[in-house]
Every structure is written in C-alpha cells, then in structure tokens.
Amino acid sequence: MMDFSHVFYFLLVVLWPECGWQPVSLTDMITSSAVKKVYRKANLCIHPDKVQQKGATLEQKYTAEKVFDILKEAYTKFNAEELS
C-alpha cells in the first residue's frame, strides 16, 4: 500500500485533465483537517458516480473506481495512524 502523501502524486499520473484534479503541495496537507479537505476534493473528482455523470469513457470509469478504492484505503490507514 502506498503512503498517503504518495497517493496524491499518483492521482496526477493516472487521472485525465477533464476530471478536475489539481496538484496539491505537501505544505497544503500539514494538519489532519487539511488532509481531510484534500481527500474530499479528490473524492469529488474521482467518485465513480460523479465520473459517470460527467460522461467519462469506460477506461476512465475503471480508472476512477480503482483510484477511489486506493484513496479510500489510504485515508483509512491515515486515520488509524492519527488515532494511535
């Protein structure tokens, strides 16, 4: 599993321009609340239902589903580490 900070770099590599994802600096994710905000923005760009509404191709839908799962898993891990 990827480190959470790497997931956002990963988004730049695999997502298409029309999905709306913008690069995020590590300095924008210093606090837990800032990370949560970035996570929510990412979800708005890649949530499978949102992608489908935007008329994505089959490949884009598949990519969005996989990225959504990876992002959700990374955020769950991040939260668990924050609580411990």
N, C-alpha and C. Protein backbone atom coordinates (compact mmCIF):
# COMPACT_ATOMS: atom_id res chain seq x y z
N MET A 1 0.84 -1.18 0.00
CA MET A 1 0.00 0.00 0.00
C MET A 1 0.88 1.24 0.00
N MET A 2 0.46 2.24 -0.74
CA MET A 2 1.19 3.49 -0.84
C MET A 2 1.03 4.34 0.41
N ASP A 3 2.05 5.11 0.70
CA ASP A 3 1.95 6.15 1.72
C ASP A 3 0.92 7.17 1.24
N PHE A 4 0.18 7.74 2.17
CA PHE A 4 -0.92 8.64 1.80
C PHE A 4 -0.45 9.83 0.97
N SER A 5 0.70 10.39 1.30
CA SER A 5 1.19 11.54 0.53
C SER A 5 1.51 11.16 -0.92
N HIS A 6 1.89 9.92 -1.14
CA HIS A 6 2.19 9.46 -2.50
C HIS A 6 0.93 9.27 -3.33
N VAL A 7 -0.17 9.02 -2.67
CA VAL A 7 -1.42 8.81 -3.38
C VAL A 7 -1.79 10.05 -4.20
N PHE A 8 -1.56 11.22 -3.65
CA PHE A 8 -1.92 12.44 -4.37
C PHE A 8 -1.02 12.68 -5.57
N TYR A 9 0.25 12.28 -5.49
CA TYR A 9 1.12 12.32 -6.67
C TYR A 9 0.60 11.33 -7.70
N PHE A 10 0.23 10.16 -7.24
CA PHE A 10 -0.31 9.11 -8.08
C PHE A 10 -1.52 9.62 -8.88
N LEU A 11 -2.34 10.44 -8.27
CA LEU A 11 -3.51 10.99 -8.97
C LEU A 11 -3.08 11.82 -10.18
N LEU A 12 -2.02 12.57 -10.04
CA LEU A 12 -1.53 13.37 -11.17
C LEU A 12 -1.10 12.51 -12.34
N VAL A 13 -0.61 11.34 -12.04
CA VAL A 13 -0.10 10.44 -13.07
C VAL A 13 -1.22 9.72 -13.81
N VAL A 14 -2.24 9.27 -13.09
CA VAL A 14 -3.24 8.40 -13.71
C VAL A 14 -4.54 9.09 -14.13
N LEU A 15 -4.83 10.26 -13.59
CA LEU A 15 -6.11 10.90 -13.92
C LEU A 15 -5.99 11.75 -15.18
N TRP A 16 -7.08 11.92 -15.85
CA TRP A 16 -7.16 12.69 -17.08
C TRP A 16 -7.51 14.15 -16.74
N PRO A 17 -7.13 15.08 -17.59
CA PRO A 17 -7.32 16.51 -17.28
C PRO A 17 -8.78 16.91 -17.02
N GLU A 18 -9.71 16.32 -17.71
CA GLU A 18 -11.12 16.70 -17.58
C GLU A 18 -11.74 16.32 -16.24
N CYS A 19 -11.07 15.49 -15.46
CA CYS A 19 -11.66 15.06 -14.19
C CYS A 19 -11.63 16.20 -13.16
N GLY A 20 -10.76 17.18 -13.37
CA GLY A 20 -10.74 18.34 -12.50
C GLY A 20 -9.74 18.31 -11.36
N TRP A 21 -8.92 17.28 -11.27
CA TRP A 21 -7.94 17.20 -10.18
C TRP A 21 -6.83 18.20 -10.39
N GLN A 22 -6.51 18.95 -9.35
CA GLN A 22 -5.42 19.91 -9.36
C GLN A 22 -4.32 19.44 -8.41
N PRO A 23 -3.06 19.69 -8.75
CA PRO A 23 -1.95 19.27 -7.87
C PRO A 23 -2.08 19.87 -6.47
N VAL A 24 -1.60 19.11 -5.51
CA VAL A 24 -1.64 19.54 -4.11
C VAL A 24 -0.23 19.47 -3.55
N SER A 25 0.20 20.54 -2.93
CA SER A 25 1.51 20.60 -2.30
C SER A 25 1.46 19.90 -0.94
N LEU A 26 2.55 19.31 -0.56
CA LEU A 26 2.61 18.70 0.77
C LEU A 26 2.40 19.73 1.87
N THR A 27 2.77 20.96 1.60
CA THR A 27 2.56 22.01 2.61
C THR A 27 1.07 22.33 2.78
N ASP A 28 0.25 21.91 1.82
CA ASP A 28 -1.20 22.09 1.95
C ASP A 28 -1.85 20.99 2.78
N MET A 29 -1.03 20.03 3.23
CA MET A 29 -1.57 18.90 3.98
C MET A 29 -0.84 18.73 5.31
N ILE A 30 -0.62 19.82 6.00
CA ILE A 30 0.13 19.76 7.26
C ILE A 30 -0.73 19.24 8.40
N THR A 31 -1.98 19.63 8.44
CA THR A 31 -2.86 19.21 9.54
C THR A 31 -3.82 18.11 9.08
N SER A 32 -4.37 17.41 10.03
CA SER A 32 -5.35 16.37 9.72
C SER A 32 -6.56 16.94 9.00
N SER A 33 -7.00 18.11 9.42
CA SER A 33 -8.17 18.71 8.78
C SER A 33 -7.86 19.10 7.34
N ALA A 34 -6.64 19.53 7.08
CA ALA A 34 -6.24 19.87 5.71
C ALA A 34 -6.19 18.62 4.83
N VAL A 35 -5.70 17.53 5.39
CA VAL A 35 -5.66 16.26 4.65
C VAL A 35 -7.09 15.82 4.33
N LYS A 36 -7.97 15.96 5.29
CA LYS A 36 -9.37 15.58 5.08
C LYS A 36 -9.98 16.41 3.95
N LYS A 37 -9.67 17.69 3.91
CA LYS A 37 -10.18 18.58 2.87
C LYS A 37 -9.68 18.15 1.48
N VAL A 38 -8.41 17.82 1.39
CA VAL A 38 -7.83 17.38 0.12
C VAL A 38 -8.45 16.03 -0.28
N TYR A 39 -8.64 15.16 0.68
CA TYR A 39 -9.27 13.86 0.42
C TYR A 39 -10.67 14.06 -0.16
N ARG A 40 -11.43 14.95 0.43
CA ARG A 40 -12.79 15.21 -0.06
C ARG A 40 -12.79 15.80 -1.47
N LYS A 41 -11.84 16.68 -1.75
CA LYS A 41 -11.74 17.24 -3.09
C LYS A 41 -11.41 16.15 -4.11
N ALA A 42 -10.52 15.25 -3.72
CA ALA A 42 -10.16 14.15 -4.60
C ALA A 42 -11.38 13.26 -4.86
N ASN A 43 -12.14 13.00 -3.82
CA ASN A 43 -13.33 12.17 -3.99
C ASN A 43 -14.33 12.80 -4.95
N LEU A 44 -14.45 14.11 -4.92
CA LEU A 44 -15.35 14.78 -5.86
C LEU A 44 -14.90 14.60 -7.31
N CYS A 45 -13.61 14.49 -7.51
CA CYS A 45 -13.08 14.32 -8.87
C CYS A 45 -13.19 12.89 -9.36
N ILE A 46 -13.06 11.93 -8.46
CA ILE A 46 -12.94 10.54 -8.91
C ILE A 46 -14.04 9.61 -8.44
N HIS A 47 -15.00 10.11 -7.72
CA HIS A 47 -16.08 9.22 -7.28
C HIS A 47 -16.72 8.61 -8.52
N PRO A 48 -16.88 7.28 -8.55
CA PRO A 48 -17.42 6.62 -9.74
C PRO A 48 -18.75 7.19 -10.23
N ASP A 49 -19.62 7.57 -9.34
CA ASP A 49 -20.91 8.16 -9.76
C ASP A 49 -20.71 9.52 -10.42
N LYS A 50 -19.82 10.32 -9.87
CA LYS A 50 -19.55 11.65 -10.43
C LYS A 50 -18.91 11.54 -11.81
N VAL A 51 -17.98 10.60 -11.94
CA VAL A 51 -17.28 10.40 -13.21
C VAL A 51 -18.28 9.98 -14.29
N GLN A 52 -19.19 9.11 -13.92
CA GLN A 52 -20.20 8.65 -14.87
C GLN A 52 -21.10 9.81 -15.31
N GLN A 53 -21.46 10.68 -14.36
CA GLN A 53 -22.30 11.84 -14.68
C GLN A 53 -21.61 12.79 -15.65
N LYS A 54 -20.29 12.82 -15.59
CA LYS A 54 -19.52 13.71 -16.46
C LYS A 54 -19.29 13.11 -17.85
N GLY A 55 -19.81 11.91 -18.09
CA GLY A 55 -19.68 11.28 -19.40
C GLY A 55 -18.32 10.68 -19.68
N ALA A 56 -17.71 10.11 -18.68
CA ALA A 56 -16.38 9.52 -18.83
C ALA A 56 -16.43 8.27 -19.72
N THR A 57 -15.29 7.97 -20.30
CA THR A 57 -15.17 6.76 -21.10
C THR A 57 -15.13 5.54 -20.18
N LEU A 58 -15.23 4.36 -20.75
CA LEU A 58 -15.17 3.14 -19.98
C LEU A 58 -13.83 3.01 -19.24
N GLU A 59 -12.75 3.37 -19.92
CA GLU A 59 -11.41 3.32 -19.31
C GLU A 59 -11.32 4.30 -18.13
N GLN A 60 -11.87 5.49 -18.30
CA GLN A 60 -11.85 6.48 -17.23
C GLN A 60 -12.69 6.02 -16.04
N LYS A 61 -13.82 5.40 -16.30
CA LYS A 61 -14.65 4.88 -15.22
C LYS A 61 -13.91 3.81 -14.43
N TYR A 62 -13.24 2.91 -15.15
CA TYR A 62 -12.47 1.86 -14.50
C TYR A 62 -11.34 2.46 -13.66
N THR A 63 -10.63 3.41 -14.23
CA THR A 63 -9.54 4.08 -13.51
C THR A 63 -10.08 4.76 -12.26
N ALA A 64 -11.18 5.46 -12.40
CA ALA A 64 -11.77 6.16 -11.26
C ALA A 64 -12.15 5.19 -10.14
N GLU A 65 -12.71 4.05 -10.49
CA GLU A 65 -13.08 3.05 -9.47
C GLU A 65 -11.86 2.56 -8.72
N LYS A 66 -10.81 2.25 -9.44
CA LYS A 66 -9.59 1.74 -8.80
C LYS A 66 -8.93 2.82 -7.95
N VAL A 67 -8.84 4.03 -8.46
CA VAL A 67 -8.24 5.13 -7.71
C VAL A 67 -9.07 5.44 -6.47
N PHE A 68 -10.39 5.41 -6.61
CA PHE A 68 -11.28 5.64 -5.48
C PHE A 68 -11.01 4.64 -4.37
N ASP A 69 -10.86 3.37 -4.73
CA ASP A 69 -10.58 2.33 -3.73
C ASP A 69 -9.23 2.54 -3.06
N ILE A 70 -8.22 2.88 -3.84
CA ILE A 70 -6.88 3.12 -3.29
C ILE A 70 -6.89 4.32 -2.36
N LEU A 71 -7.56 5.38 -2.78
CA LEU A 71 -7.64 6.59 -1.97
C LEU A 71 -8.38 6.32 -0.66
N LYS A 72 -9.46 5.59 -0.73
CA LYS A 72 -10.25 5.27 0.47
C LYS A 72 -9.41 4.43 1.44
N GLU A 73 -8.68 3.46 0.92
CA GLU A 73 -7.83 2.61 1.76
C GLU A 73 -6.71 3.44 2.41
N ALA A 74 -6.10 4.32 1.64
CA ALA A 74 -5.02 5.15 2.17
C ALA A 74 -5.54 6.10 3.25
N TYR A 75 -6.73 6.65 3.03
CA TYR A 75 -7.30 7.56 4.03
C TYR A 75 -7.67 6.82 5.31
N THR A 76 -8.18 5.62 5.16
CA THR A 76 -8.50 4.79 6.35
C THR A 76 -7.23 4.52 7.14
N LYS A 77 -6.15 4.19 6.45
CA LYS A 77 -4.87 3.93 7.11
C LYS A 77 -4.36 5.20 7.78
N PHE A 78 -4.46 6.33 7.10
CA PHE A 78 -4.04 7.61 7.66
C PHE A 78 -4.81 7.90 8.94
N ASN A 79 -6.12 7.73 8.94
CA ASN A 79 -6.93 7.96 10.12
C ASN A 79 -6.54 7.05 11.27
N ALA A 80 -6.28 5.79 10.97
CA ALA A 80 -5.89 4.85 12.01
C ALA A 80 -4.56 5.27 12.65
N GLU A 81 -3.63 5.75 11.83
CA GLU A 81 -2.34 6.21 12.36
C GLU A 81 -2.49 7.48 13.17
N GLU A 82 -3.41 8.35 12.78
CA GLU A 82 -3.66 9.58 13.52
C GLU A 82 -4.24 9.29 14.89
N LEU A 83 -5.05 8.26 14.99
CA LEU A 83 -5.71 7.93 16.26
C LEU A 83 -4.79 7.17 17.21
N SER A 84 -3.73 6.57 16.67
CA SER A 84 -2.85 5.79 17.56
C SER A 84 -1.70 6.61 18.10
